Amino acid sequence: MRRFFLLALFLIVLFWISSGCKGGSHIVIGYAAPMTGESAKMGDDISKGVLLAVEEWNTKGGIHGKKIRVEGYDDRADPKEAVSVAQRAISQGVRGVIGHYNSSCTIPASNLYDEAGVIMITPASTNPQVTSRGLKHIFRVCGRDDQQGKTMADALQPLGKIKVAILHDKTTYGQGLADEFRKHLSSDIQVVLYEAIQRGDKDFSAVLTKVKSVQPNVVMFGGLYPEGGLITKQMRDLGISSIFLSGDGTYDPEYIRIAGKAAEGAWLTYAPPADEIPTAKEFLKNYQAKYGEVGPYSLFAYDAANILLGAIAKKVDASGLELANIIRSTQWQAAMGTIEFTEQGDPKQAPYVMWTVENGKLVVKK
């Protein structure tokens, strides 16, 4: 009896795993992002973008008659957990993963996906190392920090000879962005402070006292909105009137909620406005009707999922490398517009623009 039970259990598990493979009854893809913790809002935005894309495919009959199933993985914004997540996704037979969010999670996880021949398309990880290591199965639909850092540095040019204080959160993303920004500064701009903060801290008075002592015109922060919002608020409380400058990790309405009125006038780099992209109108209408406010990376995740599913639809029994070659060689008509990939796996066009907070809203800086 016990043998029969174990055999039955084995067959059930085997069927469940094989259902994600090329010959299974479903096509299984995954998303991986922080679904708990301080960055959970970003993970939720990513998951909704993926789920909307899958729902639209399934409404039309799936892929060659097979419905698509989605597995969600919570990496908790922790690199070690991201590796565990990647191992789990691979063992469950996913054809590809949309994720991760944090570059510090994406980079170690991508090694496993690539070795296993599983496609990974990140909607949000901007560190150049994600795609510059020669991995064949790894892509991103967002820009890179060398592009973003240059946009930030170029925006300061009209200010002339100024002083800049640079803070970062020691993460792959935060410190990487800070370093790219610093690299692209002109010789007229003096870096008067370069300091690290700890993610998860709430009190930044010690480092901000140092900032105040060097009297910078601009405080650049490489990191995410939970710390970015608190730093901005505490800067103003200490009487620091410097421009607060940060990147896409701080671009979110949550930043304004945390910083409050102190967020007014902040400068943040991010993609161009989605509501000005004609091809994004249908996505915006459908997403807002189902989920409400569109998150910073909802559209990126939606397009990433559609590219993955579009590649599978071109050859449903393709190997991972064949799918990668399809993705790399196809001109994709996405909600963000036309997306083409470089040999490395980056989008050929990934513009950044400068945003600012005006009357409590994020608007493109004029």
Protein backbone atom coordinates (compact mmCIF):
# COMPACT_ATOMS: atom_id res chain seq x y z
CA MET A 1 0.00 0.00 0.00
CA ARG A 2 2.82 2.38 0.94
CA ARG A 3 4.61 1.61 -2.35
CA PHE A 4 1.42 2.36 -4.28
CA PHE A 5 1.04 5.66 -2.45
CA LEU A 6 4.64 6.70 -3.14
CA LEU A 7 4.33 5.72 -6.81
CA ALA A 8 1.11 7.72 -7.16
CA LEU A 9 2.70 10.71 -5.47
CA PHE A 10 5.73 10.47 -7.77
CA LEU A 11 3.51 10.37 -10.87
CA ILE A 12 1.52 13.39 -9.70
CA VAL A 13 4.69 15.41 -9.10
CA LEU A 14 6.16 14.27 -12.41
CA PHE A 15 3.00 15.32 -14.26
CA TRP A 16 2.98 18.70 -12.51
CA ILE A 17 6.60 19.39 -13.43
CA SER A 18 6.26 18.12 -16.98
CA SER A 19 3.21 20.30 -17.61
CA GLY A 20 5.59 23.26 -17.88
CA CYS A 21 7.74 21.52 -20.48
CA LYS A 22 7.33 21.62 -24.23
CA GLY A 23 5.07 18.58 -24.39
CA GLY A 24 2.91 19.39 -21.34
CA SER A 25 -0.72 20.43 -21.20
CA HIS A 26 0.24 23.96 -20.18
CA ILE A 27 2.97 26.42 -21.02
CA VAL A 28 4.42 27.66 -17.75
CA ILE A 29 6.27 30.92 -17.26
CA GLY A 30 7.25 32.66 -14.04
CA TYR A 31 7.86 36.06 -12.55
CA ALA A 32 10.35 36.73 -9.78
CA ALA A 33 10.42 39.88 -7.67
CA PRO A 34 10.17 41.05 -4.05
CA MET A 35 6.58 40.25 -3.09
CA THR A 36 7.18 40.93 0.61
CA GLY A 37 9.26 43.52 2.44
CA GLU A 38 9.86 47.19 1.71
CA SER A 39 10.05 46.71 -2.08
CA ALA A 40 6.89 44.59 -2.29
CA LYS A 41 5.03 47.35 -4.08
CA MET A 42 7.43 47.04 -7.02
CA GLY A 43 7.02 43.27 -7.04
CA ASP A 44 3.26 43.66 -7.10
CA ASP A 45 3.50 46.06 -10.05
CA ILE A 46 5.66 43.58 -11.97
CA SER A 47 3.36 40.64 -11.23
CA LYS A 48 0.30 42.55 -12.46
CA GLY A 49 2.01 43.43 -15.74
CA VAL A 50 2.85 39.76 -16.33
CA LEU A 51 -0.60 38.52 -15.31
CA LEU A 52 -2.34 40.98 -17.63
CA ALA A 53 -0.26 39.81 -20.59
CA VAL A 54 -0.96 36.15 -19.80
CA GLU A 55 -4.68 36.80 -19.37
CA GLU A 56 -4.82 38.41 -22.80
CA TRP A 57 -3.03 35.45 -24.42
CA ASN A 58 -5.30 32.94 -22.67
CA THR A 59 -8.42 34.87 -23.69
CA LYS A 60 -7.31 34.41 -27.29
CA GLY A 61 -6.81 30.67 -26.81
CA GLY A 62 -3.29 30.52 -25.41
CA ILE A 63 -0.41 29.34 -27.59
CA HIS A 64 -1.25 26.66 -30.18
CA GLY A 65 -4.19 25.60 -28.04
CA LYS A 66 -2.20 25.38 -24.81
CA LYS A 67 -3.15 27.67 -21.95
CA ILE A 68 -0.45 29.59 -20.14
CA ARG A 69 0.09 29.18 -16.42
CA VAL A 70 2.06 31.64 -14.30
CA GLU A 71 4.18 30.79 -11.27
CA GLY A 72 5.09 33.66 -8.93
CA TYR A 73 8.31 33.66 -6.91
CA ASP A 74 9.13 35.97 -4.00
CA ASP A 75 12.87 36.69 -3.87
CA ARG A 76 12.39 39.12 -0.93
CA ALA A 77 15.00 41.44 -2.52
CA ASP A 78 17.62 39.05 -1.15
CA PRO A 79 20.36 37.70 -3.48
CA LYS A 80 20.53 34.33 -1.67
CA GLU A 81 16.76 33.93 -1.88
CA ALA A 82 16.91 34.89 -5.56
CA VAL A 83 19.25 31.95 -6.18
CA SER A 84 16.83 29.63 -4.36
CA VAL A 85 13.97 31.07 -6.41
CA ALA A 86 15.86 30.43 -9.64
CA GLN A 87 16.56 26.84 -8.63
CA ARG A 88 12.89 26.32 -7.81
CA ALA A 89 11.67 27.87 -11.06
CA ILE A 90 14.05 25.74 -13.11
CA SER A 91 13.00 22.56 -11.28
CA GLN A 92 9.35 23.38 -12.00
CA GLY A 93 9.98 23.48 -15.73
CA VAL A 94 9.25 27.15 -16.52
CA ARG A 95 10.02 28.22 -20.09
CA GLY A 96 11.14 31.64 -18.93
CA VAL A 97 11.10 34.09 -16.03
CA ILE A 98 10.18 37.76 -15.98
CA GLY A 99 12.43 39.24 -13.31
CA HIS A 100 14.13 39.94 -11.10
CA TYR A 101 13.65 43.52 -9.86
CA ASN A 102 16.87 44.23 -7.93
CA SER A 103 20.14 43.98 -9.87
CA SER A 104 21.72 42.33 -6.82
CA CYS A 105 19.17 39.51 -7.21
CA THR A 106 19.11 39.39 -10.99
CA ILE A 107 22.85 38.91 -11.46
CA PRO A 108 23.35 35.74 -9.34
CA ALA A 109 20.01 34.25 -10.41
CA SER A 110 20.78 34.83 -14.09
CA ASN A 111 23.78 32.51 -13.90
CA LEU A 112 21.47 29.63 -13.01
CA TYR A 113 18.86 30.46 -15.64
CA ASP A 114 21.50 30.70 -18.34
CA GLU A 115 23.14 27.40 -17.37
CA ALA A 116 19.74 25.68 -17.41
CA GLY A 117 18.74 27.19 -20.77
CA VAL A 118 15.84 29.16 -19.26
CA ILE A 119 15.03 32.61 -20.67
CA MET A 120 15.16 35.48 -18.19
CA ILE A 121 13.94 38.96 -19.11
CA THR A 122 14.27 41.56 -16.40
CA PRO A 123 11.87 44.50 -16.54
CA ALA A 124 13.82 46.61 -14.05
CA SER A 125 17.44 45.63 -13.34
CA THR A 126 19.67 48.36 -14.75
CA ASN A 127 23.20 47.40 -13.66
CA PRO A 128 25.34 46.88 -16.80
CA GLN A 129 26.65 43.56 -15.45
CA VAL A 130 23.24 41.94 -15.99
CA THR A 131 23.89 41.67 -19.72
CA SER A 132 27.61 42.30 -20.16
CA ARG A 133 28.78 38.82 -19.08
CA GLY A 134 28.04 37.05 -22.36
CA LEU A 135 25.03 35.04 -21.09
CA LYS A 136 22.92 33.85 -24.05
CA HIS A 137 19.52 33.49 -22.35
CA ILE A 138 19.44 36.80 -20.42
CA PHE A 139 17.67 39.98 -21.55
CA ARG A 140 16.27 43.23 -20.20
CA VAL A 141 13.63 45.62 -21.54
CA CYS A 142 14.76 48.58 -19.39
CA GLY A 143 17.83 50.75 -19.81
CA ARG A 144 21.25 50.52 -18.15
CA ASP A 145 22.86 52.56 -15.40
CA ASP A 146 25.63 53.80 -17.65
CA GLN A 147 22.88 55.40 -19.77
CA GLN A 148 20.97 56.61 -16.72
CA GLY A 149 24.06 57.92 -14.95
CA LYS A 150 24.99 59.97 -18.02
CA THR A 151 21.47 61.44 -18.21
CA MET A 152 21.75 62.50 -14.55
CA ALA A 153 25.20 64.01 -15.03
CA ASP A 154 24.20 65.83 -18.24
CA ALA A 155 21.21 67.39 -16.46
CA LEU A 156 23.61 69.21 -14.12
CA GLN A 157 25.63 70.83 -16.90
CA PRO A 158 23.49 74.00 -17.09
CA LEU A 159 24.13 74.61 -13.36
CA GLY A 160 27.79 75.39 -14.04
CA LYS A 161 30.48 74.94 -11.39
CA ILE A 162 28.66 73.24 -8.55
CA LYS A 163 29.35 70.90 -5.64
CA VAL A 164 27.75 67.46 -5.44
CA ALA A 165 27.39 65.05 -2.53
CA ILE A 166 26.85 61.40 -3.51
CA LEU A 167 25.09 58.86 -1.28
CA HIS A 168 24.40 55.23 -2.13
CA ASP A 169 22.91 52.17 -0.43
CA LYS A 170 25.85 49.78 -1.10
CA THR A 171 23.73 47.56 -3.35
CA THR A 172 24.63 46.46 -6.86
CA TYR A 173 22.04 48.87 -8.21
CA GLY A 174 22.52 51.82 -5.86
CA GLN A 175 26.31 51.95 -5.78
CA GLY A 176 26.48 51.05 -9.47
CA LEU A 177 24.26 54.00 -10.40
CA ALA A 178 26.20 56.35 -8.11
CA ASP A 179 29.48 55.29 -9.71
CA GLU A 180 28.15 55.70 -13.25
CA PHE A 181 26.85 59.17 -12.36
CA ARG A 182 30.21 60.13 -10.90
CA LYS A 183 32.03 58.79 -13.95
CA HIS A 184 30.04 61.04 -16.30
CA LEU A 185 30.34 64.31 -14.32
CA SER A 186 32.17 67.12 -16.08
CA SER A 187 35.39 68.54 -14.65
CA ASP A 188 33.47 71.68 -13.57
CA ILE A 189 31.51 69.69 -11.01
CA GLN A 190 33.20 68.92 -7.69
CA VAL A 191 32.28 65.81 -5.71
CA VAL A 192 32.60 66.94 -2.09
CA LEU A 193 31.24 63.79 -0.41
CA TYR A 194 30.85 60.12 -1.32
CA GLU A 195 29.19 58.09 1.45
CA ALA A 196 27.24 54.87 1.90
CA ILE A 197 24.05 54.34 3.89
CA GLN A 198 22.50 51.07 5.06
CA ARG A 199 19.31 49.80 3.43
CA GLY A 200 16.53 49.50 5.98
CA ASP A 201 17.82 52.30 8.22
CA LYS A 202 15.35 54.99 9.22
CA ASP A 203 17.61 57.66 10.71
CA PHE A 204 20.12 59.30 8.36
CA SER A 205 20.99 62.29 10.55
CA ALA A 206 24.66 61.29 10.92
CA VAL A 207 25.44 61.17 7.21
CA LEU A 208 23.22 64.17 6.50
CA THR A 209 25.14 66.20 9.07
CA LYS A 210 28.22 65.48 6.96
CA VAL A 211 26.29 66.52 3.86
CA LYS A 212 25.28 69.80 5.46
CA SER A 213 28.88 70.56 6.45
CA VAL A 214 30.12 70.45 2.82
CA GLN A 215 27.24 72.61 1.49
CA PRO A 216 26.55 70.84 -1.81
CA ASN A 217 24.28 72.26 -4.49
CA VAL A 218 23.05 68.75 -5.31
CA VAL A 219 22.65 65.56 -3.27
CA MET A 220 22.62 62.50 -5.52
CA PHE A 221 21.25 59.25 -4.05
CA GLY A 222 21.75 55.81 -5.59
CA GLY A 223 19.11 53.57 -4.06
CA LEU A 224 15.40 52.88 -3.70
CA TYR A 225 12.38 54.95 -2.66
CA PRO A 226 12.02 53.79 0.99
CA GLU A 227 15.40 55.27 1.93
CA GLY A 228 15.22 57.99 -0.72
CA GLY A 229 12.00 59.39 0.73
CA LEU A 230 13.37 59.45 4.27
CA ILE A 231 16.66 61.03 3.19
CA THR A 232 14.78 63.79 1.37
CA LYS A 233 12.53 64.50 4.34
CA GLN A 234 15.40 64.50 6.82
CA MET A 235 17.50 66.73 4.53
CA ARG A 236 14.82 69.41 4.67
CA ASP A 237 14.36 68.97 8.41
CA LEU A 238 18.09 69.72 8.82
CA GLY A 239 17.82 72.81 6.64
CA ILE A 240 19.61 71.31 3.61
CA SER A 241 18.15 73.03 0.56
CA SER A 242 20.22 71.15 -2.06
CA ILE A 243 18.51 69.60 -5.08
CA PHE A 244 17.73 65.95 -4.38
CA LEU A 245 18.67 63.85 -7.44
CA SER A 246 18.01 60.13 -7.82
CA GLY A 247 17.23 57.41 -10.34
CA ASP A 248 14.47 55.05 -11.38
CA GLY A 249 14.62 53.14 -8.09
CA THR A 250 13.21 56.23 -6.38
CA TYR A 251 10.70 57.02 -9.13
CA ASP A 252 7.39 56.01 -7.57
CA PRO A 253 4.42 57.75 -5.90
CA GLU A 254 5.54 56.00 -2.69
CA TYR A 255 8.63 58.24 -2.68
CA ILE A 256 6.38 61.30 -2.54
CA ARG A 257 4.20 59.73 0.15
CA ILE A 258 7.24 59.04 2.34
CA ALA A 259 8.97 62.39 1.76
CA GLY A 260 5.79 64.45 1.87
CA LYS A 261 6.17 68.12 0.97
CA ALA A 262 9.96 67.73 1.12
CA ALA A 263 9.77 65.87 -2.21
CA GLU A 264 8.85 69.07 -4.05
CA GLY A 265 11.49 69.93 -6.62
CA ALA A 266 13.29 66.55 -6.51
CA TRP A 267 14.87 65.36 -9.77
CA LEU A 268 14.43 61.69 -10.77
CA THR A 269 15.50 59.86 -13.94
CA TYR A 270 13.05 57.45 -15.54
CA ALA A 271 11.61 56.45 -18.92
CA PRO A 272 9.47 58.84 -21.01
CA PRO A 273 5.78 59.17 -20.02
CA ALA A 274 3.78 56.10 -21.03
CA ASP A 275 0.66 58.17 -21.72
CA GLU A 276 2.54 59.93 -24.52
CA ILE A 277 3.39 56.65 -26.27
CA PRO A 278 0.60 55.85 -28.78
CA THR A 279 1.24 52.09 -28.64
CA ALA A 280 0.79 52.06 -24.85
CA LYS A 281 -2.79 53.37 -24.85
CA GLU A 282 -4.46 49.95 -24.97
CA PHE A 283 -2.23 48.63 -22.19
CA LEU A 284 -2.93 51.65 -19.99
CA LYS A 285 -6.68 51.34 -20.50
CA ASN A 286 -6.76 47.62 -19.73
CA TYR A 287 -4.34 47.78 -16.81
CA GLN A 288 -6.10 50.70 -15.12
CA ALA A 289 -9.50 49.05 -15.56
CA LYS A 290 -8.25 45.89 -13.85
CA TYR A 291 -5.68 47.09 -11.31
CA GLY A 292 -5.83 50.88 -11.02
CA GLU A 293 -2.64 52.93 -10.91
CA VAL A 294 0.14 51.75 -13.23
CA GLY A 295 3.44 51.14 -11.44
CA PRO A 296 6.82 52.21 -12.80
CA TYR A 297 7.64 48.71 -14.07
CA SER A 298 4.16 47.35 -14.85
CA LEU A 299 4.49 48.26 -18.53
CA PHE A 300 8.04 46.88 -18.71
CA ALA A 301 6.89 43.58 -17.19
CA TYR A 302 3.93 43.43 -19.58
CA ASP A 303 6.17 43.88 -22.60
CA ALA A 304 8.73 41.40 -21.26
CA ALA A 305 6.02 38.76 -20.82
CA ASN A 306 4.64 39.39 -24.30
CA ILE A 307 8.10 39.06 -25.84
CA LEU A 308 8.70 35.76 -24.04
CA LEU A 309 5.28 34.41 -25.04
CA GLY A 310 5.67 35.73 -28.58
CA ALA A 311 8.94 33.83 -28.92
CA ILE A 312 7.33 30.62 -27.65
CA ALA A 313 4.44 31.13 -30.09
CA LYS A 314 6.91 31.30 -33.00
CA LYS A 315 8.24 27.85 -32.10
CA VAL A 316 6.42 26.18 -29.23
CA ASP A 317 8.88 23.26 -28.94
CA ALA A 318 11.98 25.46 -29.15
CA SER A 319 14.93 24.93 -26.86
CA GLY A 320 16.02 27.75 -24.57
CA LEU A 321 18.79 28.76 -26.95
CA GLU A 322 16.38 28.73 -29.89
CA LEU A 323 14.01 30.99 -27.95
CA ALA A 324 16.91 33.31 -27.12
CA ASN A 325 17.84 33.52 -30.79
CA ILE A 326 14.22 34.28 -31.72
CA ILE A 327 14.07 37.07 -29.12
CA ARG A 328 17.39 38.50 -30.28
CA SER A 329 16.56 38.42 -34.00
CA THR A 330 12.96 39.72 -33.90
CA GLN A 331 11.68 43.27 -34.07
CA TRP A 332 8.99 43.26 -31.38
CA GLN A 333 5.95 45.52 -31.61
CA ALA A 334 5.41 46.20 -27.91
CA ALA A 335 3.33 48.58 -25.83
CA MET A 336 6.44 50.73 -25.34
CA GLY A 337 6.94 50.82 -29.10
CA THR A 338 9.33 48.81 -31.24
CA ILE A 339 11.84 46.81 -29.18
CA GLU A 340 14.95 45.26 -30.71
CA PHE A 341 17.76 43.67 -28.76
CA THR A 342 21.51 43.95 -29.05
CA GLU A 343 23.63 40.81 -29.11
CA GLN A 344 24.16 41.31 -25.35
CA GLY A 345 20.42 41.34 -24.66
CA ASP A 346 19.86 45.06 -24.09
CA PRO A 347 17.18 47.08 -25.91
CA LYS A 348 18.73 49.07 -28.74
CA GLN A 349 16.74 52.13 -27.69
CA ALA A 350 16.32 52.89 -23.96
CA PRO A 351 15.91 56.64 -23.45
CA TYR A 352 15.86 58.27 -20.02
CA VAL A 353 14.33 61.64 -19.23
CA MET A 354 14.46 63.81 -16.14
CA TRP A 355 11.34 64.02 -14.00
CA THR A 356 10.58 66.32 -11.10
CA VAL A 357 8.02 66.52 -8.29
CA GLU A 358 5.62 69.38 -8.84
CA ASN A 359 2.57 69.97 -6.63
CA GLY A 360 2.88 66.46 -5.27
CA LYS A 361 3.00 64.81 -8.71
CA LEU A 362 5.76 63.35 -10.89
CA VAL A 363 6.05 65.35 -14.12
CA VAL A 364 8.68 65.56 -16.86
CA LYS A 365 11.11 68.36 -16.04
CA LYS A 366 10.96 71.23 -18.54
